[in-house]
């Protein structure tokens, strides 16, 4: 979500002056009414990686979305789309919500269902579209861990759940204290609710509901905290599959050094 201009508080985006020492890429490249896709991100990120390597530097890909990272690092290809199938699924999502779509995906492809947020209608539509268009499980499109696009060192920074959970809850509270509601209100004026990607971001979705009077402040924060914890659990599950990854706990003072040593830096 740091791809989006103006989505700063809710994504904990680095301030511009903090990005000066080390060049950062693919921040603030989309407006909130534009849609992001994994295929688009793969193309953009790989192009930048090739440029950085050609200049003699080492690219570092940082993120939380396992699928987006996998799309860049592994030999992940994207099947085509069928506008008619997608339109039908999107109409079902609009009319009935994501629950029925998730139930169908869980029946057709439980492996894929385990990696997708049941509330993420956009991902559910795409998974079901791929299944219908290709006749294969969506999970069959997930990357083969043996076939990487480049020579990659994976590093996973972990934390014990009893430490991570209160840290996540406190972060959500700080988002509201730092002006998430005001930021969301300003973004709504320039099209936040027209975009199918940005408006579903955790925190912004709840702030929009608060602005519409559908949730109280306490309810919005509690819902964002719950969804953040669920998202963190999915991240842990996703990155656990990277058996060759270097792992370090965030509380270790030497975590960064350990990762750099593993990468030969």
Foldseek 3Di string as FASTA:
>chain_A
DQLEPLCPLVVVDDDPVVCVVPPDPSGRNDYLLDEDDLVVLLVVVLVVQVVQVVVVHHDDDDDQDLQSVQSNWFPFDDDDFDVVLLVVLVVCCVVPNQQVLLVVLCVVPVVVSLLDDSRLSVVSSRQVRCCVVVVDGSCVRGGDLVGTPDPDAAEDADADPVVVLVVLLVSLVVSVVVPLLVSLVVSVVVRNVNHSPNCPDQSSVLSVCVVVVNDPPVRSSVVSSVVSVVSVVSSCVSCVVNVRHHYHYPPDPCSVVSSCVVVVD
